[in-house]
Amino acid sequence: MRGRRLRLGLYADEQGLAWVRGLVEDAVGSRNARIVDGTVAHTADDSLDFLAEQWTVEHPEQSPGSRQPVELEVHLGCSLRTWRAIRKAVLAALCPEGSAPHICRVPWTVG
């Protein structure tokens, strides 16, 4: 097994972040992989501001509450094939409607 990284940009509060972490844990748990480490970093630049704008458009006249742009980075021990399967499963869980128009529970981007 080799060390691999899954990085997600999110516009989330603590509840949304916990939900995304759970999606990652579920995807990893069903495969021959392990989570080595995980970090959450609040972005100091404006690289994820578009996620806040997306949330505002999708939730007009609602307060964002404690949502902030954050980067979730998870280090995995797994093969490349397994990493690809985990990544695909996480993205499918974040966006179960696929490319059809919908509102994201937690706006996200993959890095």
C-alpha atoms as a PDB file:
ATOM      1  CA  MET A   1       0.000   0.000   0.000  1.00  0.00           C
ATOM      2  CA  ARG A   2       1.107   3.480  -0.764  1.00  0.00           C
ATOM      3  CA  GLY A   3       0.193   6.829   0.776  1.00  0.00           C
ATOM      4  CA  ARG A   4      -2.414   8.723  -1.230  1.00  0.00           C
ATOM      5  CA  ARG A   5      -4.283  11.960  -0.612  1.00  0.00           C
ATOM      6  CA  LEU A   6      -7.907  12.951  -1.067  1.00  0.00           C
ATOM      7  CA  ARG A   7      -8.442  16.716  -0.888  1.00  0.00           C
ATOM      8  CA  LEU A   8     -11.853  18.411  -0.897  1.00  0.00           C
ATOM      9  CA  GLY A   9     -12.704  22.095  -0.767  1.00  0.00           C
ATOM     10  CA  LEU A  10     -15.947  22.622   1.154  1.00  0.00           C
ATOM     11  CA  TYR A  11     -18.240  25.409   2.262  1.00  0.00           C
ATOM     12  CA  ALA A  12     -19.434  23.820   5.468  1.00  0.00           C
ATOM     13  CA  ASP A  13     -20.289  24.223   9.113  1.00  0.00           C
ATOM     14  CA  GLU A  14     -19.329  21.583  11.712  1.00  0.00           C
ATOM     15  CA  GLN A  15     -22.375  19.461  10.891  1.00  0.00           C
ATOM     16  CA  GLY A  16     -21.652  19.517   7.153  1.00  0.00           C
ATOM     17  CA  LEU A  17     -17.987  18.749   7.746  1.00  0.00           C
ATOM     18  CA  ALA A  18     -18.932  15.771   9.944  1.00  0.00           C
ATOM     19  CA  TRP A  19     -21.262  14.524   7.181  1.00  0.00           C
ATOM     20  CA  VAL A  20     -18.482  14.693   4.573  1.00  0.00           C
ATOM     21  CA  ARG A  21     -16.018  12.974   6.906  1.00  0.00           C
ATOM     22  CA  GLY A  22     -18.590  10.210   7.363  1.00  0.00           C
ATOM     23  CA  LEU A  23     -18.887   9.812   3.582  1.00  0.00           C
ATOM     24  CA  VAL A  24     -15.109   9.418   3.340  1.00  0.00           C
ATOM     25  CA  GLU A  25     -15.029   6.933   6.232  1.00  0.00           C
ATOM     26  CA  ASP A  26     -17.826   4.882   4.639  1.00  0.00           C
ATOM     27  CA  ALA A  27     -16.035   4.813   1.290  1.00  0.00           C
ATOM     28  CA  VAL A  28     -12.735   3.790   2.901  1.00  0.00           C
ATOM     29  CA  GLY A  29     -14.309   1.233   5.235  1.00  0.00           C
ATOM     30  CA  SER A  30     -15.827  -0.765   2.416  1.00  0.00           C
ATOM     31  CA  ARG A  31     -12.450  -1.225   0.686  1.00  0.00           C
ATOM     32  CA  ASN A  32      -8.965  -2.487   1.414  1.00  0.00           C
ATOM     33  CA  ALA A  33      -7.701   0.900   2.639  1.00  0.00           C
ATOM     34  CA  ARG A  34      -7.072   2.829   5.814  1.00  0.00           C
ATOM     35  CA  ILE A  35      -7.187   6.458   6.848  1.00  0.00           C
ATOM     36  CA  VAL A  36      -3.712   7.459   7.999  1.00  0.00           C
ATOM     37  CA  ASP A  37      -4.423  11.086   8.868  1.00  0.00           C
ATOM     38  CA  GLY A  38      -6.878  13.864   8.186  1.00  0.00           C
ATOM     39  CA  THR A  39      -6.721  17.629   8.501  1.00  0.00           C
ATOM     40  CA  VAL A  40      -9.102  20.527   8.112  1.00  0.00           C
ATOM     41  CA  ALA A  41      -7.652  23.897   7.140  1.00  0.00           C
ATOM     42  CA  HIS A  42      -9.539  27.170   6.970  1.00  0.00           C
ATOM     43  CA  THR A  43      -8.520  28.904   3.774  1.00  0.00           C
ATOM     44  CA  ALA A  44      -6.795  32.250   4.152  1.00  0.00           C
ATOM     45  CA  ASP A  45      -7.102  33.138   0.470  1.00  0.00           C
ATOM     46  CA  ASP A  46     -10.167  33.490  -1.733  1.00  0.00           C
ATOM     47  CA  SER A  47      -9.688  30.255  -3.710  1.00  0.00           C
ATOM     48  CA  LEU A  48     -12.905  28.707  -2.341  1.00  0.00           C
ATOM     49  CA  ASP A  49     -15.076  31.839  -2.331  1.00  0.00           C
ATOM     50  CA  PHE A  50     -17.008  30.475  -5.306  1.00  0.00           C
ATOM     51  CA  LEU A  51     -18.427  27.779  -2.992  1.00  0.00           C
ATOM     52  CA  ALA A  52     -19.883  30.461  -0.702  1.00  0.00           C
ATOM     53  CA  GLU A  53     -21.367  32.157  -3.770  1.00  0.00           C
ATOM     54  CA  GLN A  54     -22.847  28.822  -4.891  1.00  0.00           C
ATOM     55  CA  TRP A  55     -24.471  28.338  -1.490  1.00  0.00           C
ATOM     56  CA  THR A  56     -25.902  31.876  -1.598  1.00  0.00           C
ATOM     57  CA  VAL A  57     -27.438  31.272  -5.033  1.00  0.00           C
ATOM     58  CA  GLU A  58     -28.875  27.896  -3.987  1.00  0.00           C
ATOM     59  CA  HIS A  59     -30.226  29.191  -0.653  1.00  0.00           C
ATOM     60  CA  PRO A  60     -31.506  32.721  -1.348  1.00  0.00           C
ATOM     61  CA  GLU A  61     -32.293  34.847   1.688  1.00  0.00           C
ATOM     62  CA  GLN A  62     -30.903  32.233   4.111  1.00  0.00           C
ATOM     63  CA  SER A  63     -28.077  32.996   6.478  1.00  0.00           C
ATOM     64  CA  PRO A  64     -24.948  30.894   5.941  1.00  0.00           C
ATOM     65  CA  GLY A  65     -24.684  30.538   9.710  1.00  0.00           C
ATOM     66  CA  SER A  66     -21.264  29.253  10.709  1.00  0.00           C
ATOM     67  CA  ARG A  67     -20.347  27.895   7.272  1.00  0.00           C
ATOM     68  CA  GLN A  68     -16.803  28.649   6.163  1.00  0.00           C
ATOM     69  CA  PRO A  69     -14.615  27.693   3.227  1.00  0.00           C
ATOM     70  CA  VAL A  70     -12.397  24.837   4.433  1.00  0.00           C
ATOM     71  CA  GLU A  71     -10.097  22.276   2.914  1.00  0.00           C
ATOM     72  CA  LEU A  72     -10.437  18.677   4.085  1.00  0.00           C
ATOM     73  CA  GLU A  73      -7.360  16.594   3.332  1.00  0.00           C
ATOM     74  CA  VAL A  74      -7.401  12.876   4.083  1.00  0.00           C
ATOM     75  CA  HIS A  75      -4.266  10.740   3.784  1.00  0.00           C
ATOM     76  CA  LEU A  76      -5.003   7.159   2.834  1.00  0.00           C
ATOM     77  CA  GLY A  77      -3.022   3.969   2.731  1.00  0.00           C
ATOM     78  CA  CYS A  78      -4.169   2.135  -0.384  1.00  0.00           C
ATOM     79  CA  SER A  79      -3.406   1.208  -3.958  1.00  0.00           C
ATOM     80  CA  LEU A  80      -4.058   3.609  -6.819  1.00  0.00           C
ATOM     81  CA  ARG A  81      -6.991   1.496  -7.967  1.00  0.00           C
ATOM     82  CA  THR A  82      -8.538   1.593  -4.492  1.00  0.00           C
ATOM     83  CA  TRP A  83      -7.915   5.354  -4.204  1.00  0.00           C
ATOM     84  CA  ARG A  84      -9.766   5.892  -7.483  1.00  0.00           C
ATOM     85  CA  ALA A  85     -12.695   3.796  -6.242  1.00  0.00           C
ATOM     86  CA  ILE A  86     -12.803   5.706  -2.930  1.00  0.00           C
ATOM     87  CA  ARG A  87     -12.667   9.066  -4.715  1.00  0.00           C
ATOM     88  CA  LYS A  88     -15.443   8.025  -7.096  1.00  0.00           C
ATOM     89  CA  ALA A  89     -17.611   6.798  -4.198  1.00  0.00           C
ATOM     90  CA  VAL A  90     -17.117  10.016  -2.199  1.00  0.00           C
ATOM     91  CA  LEU A  91     -17.962  12.217  -5.186  1.00  0.00           C
ATOM     92  CA  ALA A  92     -21.057  10.130  -5.968  1.00  0.00           C
ATOM     93  CA  ALA A  93     -22.207  10.445  -2.342  1.00  0.00           C
ATOM     94  CA  LEU A  94     -21.610  14.219  -2.339  1.00  0.00           C
ATOM     95  CA  CYS A  95     -23.603  14.585  -5.541  1.00  0.00           C
ATOM     96  CA  PRO A  96     -26.063  11.657  -5.814  1.00  0.00           C
ATOM     97  CA  GLU A  97     -28.075  13.449  -8.525  1.00  0.00           C
ATOM     98  CA  GLY A  98     -25.043  13.458 -10.822  1.00  0.00           C
ATOM     99  CA  SER A  99     -25.006  16.258 -13.373  1.00  0.00           C
ATOM    100  CA  ALA A 100     -28.749  16.953 -13.133  1.00  0.00           C
ATOM    101  CA  PRO A 101     -29.649  20.370 -11.640  1.00  0.00           C
ATOM    102  CA  HIS A 102     -29.875  20.160  -7.866  1.00  0.00           C
ATOM    103  CA  ILE A 103     -28.923  21.893  -4.627  1.00  0.00           C
ATOM    104  CA  CYS A 104     -25.774  20.679  -2.880  1.00  0.00           C
ATOM    105  CA  ARG A 105     -26.077  19.894   0.807  1.00  0.00           C
ATOM    106  CA  VAL A 106     -22.456  21.038   1.154  1.00  0.00           C
ATOM    107  CA  PRO A 107     -20.952  22.912  -1.798  1.00  0.00           C
ATOM    108  CA  TRP A 108     -17.667  21.245  -2.705  1.00  0.00           C
ATOM    109  CA  THR A 109     -14.787  20.993  -5.111  1.00  0.00           C
ATOM    110  CA  VAL A 110     -12.142  18.302  -5.466  1.00  0.00           C
ATOM    111  CA  GLY A 111      -8.440  19.125  -5.472  1.00  0.00           C
END
